[in-house]
Amino acid sequence: MNMPVRRQQRGQGTVERPRGWARNPLLEFDDLINQMGGLLESTVGSAAPAIAAWTPSADVTESDDAYHIELELPGVDRKDVDIEINGQELAVTGEIKERERKGIMRHSSRRTGRFEYRLLLPSEVNTEDVSASMSSGVLTITVPKAATAKPRHIEITESSERQGG
């Protein structure tokens, strides 16, 4: 089965694409950011890696008593990760170092270099009881809510007197 071809007018360049085929715009964005990072690194030099930190994928869930953050950090050792909390802001930083390899690198799509994840939590938290653990490349951080931020149930009592009247 032949697919119809979309063509632009001459002079604007000819682009032939089957209908229904479209690149993922997020991948194009990622490619553009990588190209810009490479350009910045080639012009600025060693200052570029500190500027161009990437952000790991994360899930943030909320329970009645805490916030739970899971960050994907495959291949990262826990001693290479730094977690700080200041008020309601959580910051996770670190670096994935490039491994020394033998032979010629034919393709690489793994992220290396400095990473940074920042999150502003929506309510007051108990910074003293924050805990973190790492297992199978997933960093799990639990940030308990402050006592004032926890929801509490208010019991309604029966009143013997009627007000108003």
Protein backbone atom coordinates (compact mmCIF):
# COMPACT_ATOMS: atom_id res chain seq x y z
CA MET A 1 0.00 0.00 0.00
CA ASN A 2 1.38 3.38 -0.99
CA MET A 3 1.11 6.31 1.40
CA PRO A 4 0.23 9.78 0.08
CA VAL A 5 3.11 12.25 0.14
CA ARG A 6 2.85 15.84 1.33
CA ARG A 7 5.02 18.24 -0.67
CA GLN A 8 5.83 21.89 -0.19
CA GLN A 9 6.07 24.32 -3.09
CA ARG A 10 9.38 24.66 -4.90
CA GLY A 11 11.59 27.42 -3.54
CA GLN A 12 10.69 26.56 0.06
CA GLY A 13 12.51 23.24 -0.11
CA THR A 14 10.92 19.90 -0.76
CA VAL A 15 9.89 17.89 2.25
CA GLU A 16 8.34 14.49 1.66
CA ARG A 17 6.60 12.89 4.61
CA PRO A 18 4.01 10.15 4.71
CA ARG A 19 0.74 11.26 6.25
CA GLY A 20 0.36 10.40 9.89
CA TRP A 21 4.11 10.50 10.44
CA ALA A 22 5.30 13.19 12.81
CA ARG A 23 8.35 13.45 15.01
CA ASN A 24 7.84 13.72 18.71
CA PRO A 25 8.21 17.47 19.47
CA LEU A 26 9.71 16.70 22.89
CA LEU A 27 12.52 14.71 21.24
CA GLU A 28 13.16 17.63 18.91
CA PHE A 29 13.32 19.93 21.94
CA ASP A 30 15.75 17.58 23.68
CA ASP A 31 17.95 17.47 20.56
CA LEU A 32 17.90 21.28 20.36
CA ILE A 33 18.87 21.62 24.03
CA ASN A 34 21.72 19.12 23.56
CA GLN A 35 22.97 21.03 20.50
CA MET A 36 22.77 24.35 22.35
CA GLY A 37 24.62 22.81 25.32
CA GLY A 38 27.36 21.59 22.99
CA LEU A 39 27.64 25.02 21.39
CA LEU A 40 27.77 26.69 24.81
CA GLU A 41 30.43 24.25 26.01
CA SER A 42 32.55 24.81 22.90
CA THR A 43 32.44 28.61 23.28
CA VAL A 44 32.48 29.09 27.07
CA GLY A 45 34.64 26.09 27.92
CA SER A 46 34.72 24.48 31.35
CA ALA A 47 32.06 26.80 32.85
CA ALA A 48 29.35 25.25 30.64
CA PRO A 49 28.84 21.97 32.56
CA ALA A 50 28.02 23.89 35.75
CA ILE A 51 25.44 25.92 33.84
CA ALA A 52 23.91 23.09 31.83
CA ALA A 53 22.71 20.66 34.52
CA TRP A 54 19.98 18.28 33.40
CA THR A 55 16.88 17.28 35.38
CA PRO A 56 16.16 13.61 36.17
CA SER A 57 12.64 12.18 35.74
CA ALA A 58 10.59 12.24 38.93
CA ASP A 59 7.21 11.35 40.40
CA VAL A 60 5.80 13.34 43.32
CA THR A 61 2.88 11.96 45.34
CA GLU A 62 1.14 13.33 48.41
CA SER A 63 -0.41 11.42 51.28
CA ASP A 64 -2.19 12.80 54.33
CA ASP A 65 1.05 13.05 56.30
CA ALA A 66 3.92 13.40 53.77
CA TYR A 67 5.19 14.09 50.26
CA HIS A 68 6.92 11.23 48.46
CA ILE A 69 9.41 11.98 45.68
CA GLU A 70 10.90 9.27 43.45
CA LEU A 71 13.76 10.24 41.11
CA GLU A 72 15.21 7.99 38.42
CA LEU A 73 18.99 7.93 38.80
CA PRO A 74 20.20 4.69 37.16
CA GLY A 75 23.87 3.96 37.67
CA VAL A 76 24.32 6.68 40.31
CA ASP A 77 25.95 5.81 43.61
CA ARG A 78 24.21 7.28 46.67
CA LYS A 79 27.43 9.00 47.77
CA ASP A 80 27.33 11.04 44.52
CA VAL A 81 23.92 12.55 45.39
CA ASP A 82 23.32 15.56 47.65
CA ILE A 83 19.87 16.32 49.12
CA GLU A 84 19.07 19.65 50.79
CA ILE A 85 15.83 21.06 52.12
CA ASN A 86 15.40 24.71 52.99
CA GLY A 87 11.91 25.67 54.14
CA GLN A 88 9.57 24.29 51.49
CA GLU A 89 12.25 23.92 48.77
CA LEU A 90 13.83 20.53 48.12
CA ALA A 91 17.02 20.34 46.02
CA VAL A 92 18.66 17.14 44.78
CA THR A 93 22.00 17.56 42.99
CA GLY A 94 24.80 15.30 41.86
CA GLU A 95 26.82 14.10 38.93
CA ILE A 96 26.97 11.06 36.71
CA LYS A 97 30.56 10.67 35.63
CA GLU A 98 31.43 9.47 32.14
CA ARG A 99 32.87 5.96 32.31
CA GLU A 100 36.14 5.23 30.60
CA ARG A 101 35.49 2.85 27.75
CA LYS A 102 37.62 0.75 25.47
CA GLY A 103 37.04 0.89 21.75
CA ILE A 104 35.15 3.37 19.62
CA MET A 105 31.86 4.82 20.85
CA ARG A 106 29.37 4.29 18.03
CA HIS A 107 26.26 5.63 19.77
CA SER A 108 25.48 7.12 23.15
CA SER A 109 22.16 8.34 24.51
CA ARG A 110 22.82 7.98 28.25
CA ARG A 111 22.95 11.19 30.23
CA THR A 112 26.12 12.16 32.02
CA GLY A 113 27.29 15.25 33.84
CA ARG A 114 25.70 17.36 36.56
CA PHE A 115 22.03 16.94 37.36
CA GLU A 116 19.74 19.06 39.49
CA TYR A 117 16.14 18.56 40.63
CA ARG A 118 14.32 21.32 42.53
CA LEU A 119 10.82 21.18 43.96
CA LEU A 120 8.82 23.78 45.88
CA LEU A 121 6.46 21.87 48.17
CA PRO A 122 2.94 23.35 48.50
CA SER A 123 2.74 23.37 52.31
CA GLU A 124 4.90 23.60 55.43
CA VAL A 125 7.05 20.52 56.05
CA ASN A 126 8.91 18.95 58.94
CA THR A 127 12.53 19.32 57.78
CA GLU A 128 13.90 17.37 60.77
CA ASP A 129 12.32 14.04 59.79
CA VAL A 130 13.07 13.91 56.04
CA SER A 131 14.30 10.48 54.96
CA ALA A 132 15.84 9.15 51.75
CA SER A 133 16.73 5.73 50.37
CA MET A 134 18.04 4.42 47.08
CA SER A 135 17.23 1.07 45.49
CA SER A 136 17.56 -0.19 41.90
CA GLY A 137 18.44 3.26 40.56
CA VAL A 138 15.44 4.99 42.14
CA LEU A 139 15.98 7.60 44.86
CA THR A 140 12.97 7.81 47.20
CA ILE A 141 12.62 10.85 49.46
CA THR A 142 9.89 11.16 52.10
CA VAL A 143 9.18 14.67 53.39
CA PRO A 144 6.71 14.68 56.32
CA LYS A 145 4.20 17.51 56.50
CA ALA A 146 4.31 19.88 59.47
CA ALA A 147 1.61 19.31 62.08
CA THR A 148 -0.15 22.53 61.01
CA ALA A 149 -0.32 21.35 57.36
CA LYS A 150 -1.86 17.94 58.09
CA PRO A 151 -5.61 17.69 57.51
CA ARG A 152 -7.60 16.95 60.60
CA HIS A 153 -11.16 15.85 61.05
CA ILE A 154 -13.43 18.19 63.03
CA GLU A 155 -16.18 16.45 64.95
CA ILE A 156 -19.55 18.20 64.94
CA THR A 157 -21.29 18.09 68.32
CA GLU A 158 -24.97 18.39 69.03
CA SER A 159 -25.97 21.64 70.63
CA SER A 160 -28.76 21.61 73.24
CA GLU A 161 -29.68 25.26 72.72
CA ARG A 162 -30.90 26.79 69.49
CA GLN A 163 -29.29 30.04 68.53
CA GLY A 164 -31.08 32.85 66.76
CA GLY A 165 -34.66 33.16 66.63
